[in-house]
Amino acid sequence: MIKIIGIGSPFSDDRLGWNVIEQLQATFDKTKMNNIDFLTCDRPNMSLISLMKGADEVILIDAVKSENLPGTIVRLSPDDIFESQILLSSHDFGVKHALELAHSLNLLPKQLTLYGIEIGTLSYNDQLSSDIADAIPMLVSELSQYINALHDSKP
């Protein structure tokens, strides 16, 4: 079982994980992808751990704040996340905290990847910035290719 989880909130660029999930769901025929769950998580907390439960592979999609330019797509392994000293989420109790807790409880899936898009300053509206709006189709394309490759490799 593969779970693809878009993380976010209803505010500006922080909703990008939700938007990516919406676009991915529109791309794939669910009957052909019955081993993939597309989920959303409103501001990660310990509920992220329960969303990952039962998955062999989890792909997380979230807004990140690091040292990159807004709109930069990043791909991180758990080690990258745990070793980072920068804020990898726009949330106070973010993905890193939830994954560290899951790791300490031995609840991480076998395979975990975080795809993020670097955001700038968050505003409290429901509009995506142009940097994020431009980056989302590129991330959806990259994830679509990966999902199709997984599907094609199944016997």
Protein backbone atom coordinates (compact mmCIF):
# COMPACT_ATOMS: atom_id res chain seq x y z
CA MET A 1 0.00 0.00 0.00
CA ILE A 2 1.25 3.45 -0.97
CA LYS A 3 -0.10 6.56 0.72
CA ILE A 4 0.43 9.99 -0.77
CA ILE A 5 -0.35 12.64 1.84
CA GLY A 6 -0.73 16.33 1.08
CA ILE A 7 -0.09 18.41 4.17
CA GLY A 8 -1.34 21.94 4.61
CA SER A 9 -3.80 24.44 5.90
CA PRO A 10 -6.32 26.69 4.17
CA PHE A 11 -3.90 29.64 4.05
CA SER A 12 -2.11 30.81 0.89
CA ASP A 13 0.96 28.76 -0.09
CA ASP A 14 0.53 26.38 2.84
CA ARG A 15 -2.32 24.75 0.94
CA LEU A 16 0.01 23.52 -1.81
CA GLY A 17 0.03 19.93 -0.49
CA TRP A 18 -3.74 19.84 -0.79
CA ASN A 19 -3.62 21.28 -4.31
CA VAL A 20 -1.07 18.67 -5.42
CA ILE A 21 -3.28 15.86 -4.08
CA GLU A 22 -6.33 17.29 -5.89
CA GLN A 23 -4.39 17.41 -9.17
CA LEU A 24 -2.95 13.91 -8.72
CA GLN A 25 -6.39 12.46 -7.99
CA ALA A 26 -7.73 14.06 -11.16
CA THR A 27 -4.86 12.49 -13.13
CA PHE A 28 -5.30 8.85 -12.15
CA ASP A 29 -8.05 6.32 -12.64
CA LYS A 30 -8.65 5.01 -9.10
CA THR A 31 -9.64 1.56 -10.42
CA LYS A 32 -6.16 1.17 -11.89
CA MET A 33 -4.45 2.55 -8.80
CA ASN A 34 -6.22 0.54 -6.12
CA ASN A 35 -3.05 0.19 -4.04
CA ILE A 36 -2.60 3.97 -3.70
CA ASP A 37 -4.41 6.22 -1.25
CA PHE A 38 -4.43 9.98 -1.80
CA LEU A 39 -4.95 11.74 1.53
CA THR A 40 -4.78 15.22 3.00
CA CYS A 41 -3.68 16.29 6.46
CA ASP A 42 -4.65 19.61 8.02
CA ARG A 43 -1.55 20.91 9.82
CA PRO A 44 0.54 17.91 10.78
CA ASN A 45 0.48 16.72 14.31
CA MET A 46 0.27 13.24 15.70
CA SER A 47 -2.57 12.51 13.26
CA LEU A 48 0.08 12.24 10.53
CA ILE A 49 1.36 9.11 12.26
CA SER A 50 -2.06 7.46 12.08
CA LEU A 51 -2.45 8.46 8.42
CA MET A 52 0.82 6.67 7.58
CA LYS A 53 -0.24 3.50 9.40
CA GLY A 54 -0.38 0.37 7.25
CA ALA A 55 1.57 1.84 4.34
CA ASP A 56 4.66 0.25 2.84
CA GLU A 57 5.53 3.56 1.21
CA VAL A 58 4.53 7.11 2.10
CA ILE A 59 5.04 10.21 0.00
CA LEU A 60 4.49 13.45 1.90
CA ILE A 61 3.87 16.73 0.11
CA ASP A 62 4.27 19.96 2.07
CA ALA A 63 5.33 23.56 1.96
CA VAL A 64 8.87 23.93 3.27
CA LYS A 65 10.93 26.83 4.55
CA SER A 66 14.64 26.36 4.10
CA GLU A 67 17.35 28.32 2.38
CA ASN A 68 16.07 27.86 -1.18
CA LEU A 69 14.26 30.33 -3.41
CA PRO A 70 10.44 30.25 -3.33
CA GLY A 71 9.14 27.72 -5.86
CA THR A 72 12.12 25.37 -5.51
CA ILE A 73 11.09 21.71 -5.41
CA VAL A 74 12.93 19.60 -2.86
CA ARG A 75 12.97 15.83 -2.30
CA LEU A 76 14.01 14.64 1.15
CA SER A 77 14.60 11.28 2.79
CA PRO A 78 13.93 10.74 6.50
CA ASP A 79 17.67 11.15 7.17
CA ASP A 80 17.65 14.49 5.35
CA ILE A 81 14.71 15.59 7.48
CA PHE A 82 16.13 14.40 10.80
CA GLU A 83 19.56 15.92 10.17
CA SER A 84 18.28 19.28 9.02
CA GLN A 85 18.70 22.29 11.30
CA ILE A 86 16.36 24.42 9.22
CA LEU A 87 12.59 24.62 9.42
CA LEU A 88 11.22 22.04 7.00
CA SER A 89 7.59 22.89 7.60
CA SER A 90 5.54 25.97 8.05
CA HIS A 91 3.80 24.40 11.05
CA ASP A 92 4.82 24.72 14.73
CA PHE A 93 4.48 20.97 15.31
CA GLY A 94 5.55 20.03 11.84
CA VAL A 95 6.38 17.07 9.73
CA LYS A 96 9.83 16.73 11.27
CA HIS A 97 8.39 16.48 14.79
CA ALA A 98 5.74 13.96 13.73
CA LEU A 99 8.32 11.83 11.89
CA GLU A 100 10.75 11.95 14.81
CA LEU A 101 7.96 10.73 17.09
CA ALA A 102 6.97 8.00 14.61
CA HIS A 103 10.62 6.96 14.36
CA SER A 104 10.99 6.73 18.14
CA LEU A 105 7.83 4.59 18.27
CA ASN A 106 9.09 2.42 15.38
CA LEU A 107 6.09 3.45 13.25
CA LEU A 108 7.77 4.81 10.14
CA PRO A 109 6.90 3.08 6.86
CA LYS A 110 9.58 1.10 5.04
CA GLN A 111 9.89 3.84 2.41
CA LEU A 112 9.27 7.53 3.09
CA THR A 113 9.92 10.59 0.93
CA LEU A 114 8.98 14.20 1.46
CA TYR A 115 8.43 16.34 -1.60
CA GLY A 116 8.27 20.01 -0.76
CA ILE A 117 8.05 23.32 -2.46
CA GLU A 118 9.91 26.22 -0.89
CA ILE A 119 7.56 29.00 0.17
CA GLY A 120 8.16 32.62 1.08
CA THR A 121 6.20 34.49 3.72
CA LEU A 122 2.73 33.11 4.43
CA SER A 123 -0.26 35.39 4.23
CA TYR A 124 -3.72 34.72 5.56
CA ASN A 125 -5.69 34.45 2.35
CA ASP A 126 -6.62 31.54 0.12
CA GLN A 127 -4.52 32.46 -2.92
CA LEU A 128 -1.31 30.73 -3.97
CA SER A 129 1.65 32.92 -4.82
CA SER A 130 2.82 32.84 -8.44
CA ASP A 131 6.05 30.98 -7.47
CA ILE A 132 4.04 28.15 -5.91
CA ALA A 133 1.34 28.11 -8.58
CA ASP A 134 4.10 27.73 -11.21
CA ALA A 135 5.91 24.97 -9.28
CA ILE A 136 2.87 22.77 -8.56
CA PRO A 137 2.45 21.44 -12.15
CA MET A 138 6.14 20.48 -12.22
CA LEU A 139 5.78 18.57 -8.94
CA VAL A 140 2.55 16.90 -10.10
CA SER A 141 4.34 15.80 -13.29
CA GLU A 142 7.30 14.40 -11.34
CA LEU A 143 5.01 12.51 -8.96
CA SER A 144 2.82 11.25 -11.81
CA GLN A 145 5.84 9.78 -13.56
CA TYR A 146 6.94 8.09 -10.34
CA ILE A 147 3.45 6.68 -9.65
CA ASN A 148 3.12 5.42 -13.24
CA ALA A 149 6.53 3.74 -12.98
CA LEU A 150 5.43 2.02 -9.77
CA HIS A 151 2.22 0.85 -11.41
CA ASP A 152 4.01 -0.37 -14.54
CA SER A 153 6.52 -2.36 -12.47
CA LYS A 154 3.77 -4.36 -10.74
CA PRO A 155 3.29 -7.89 -12.16
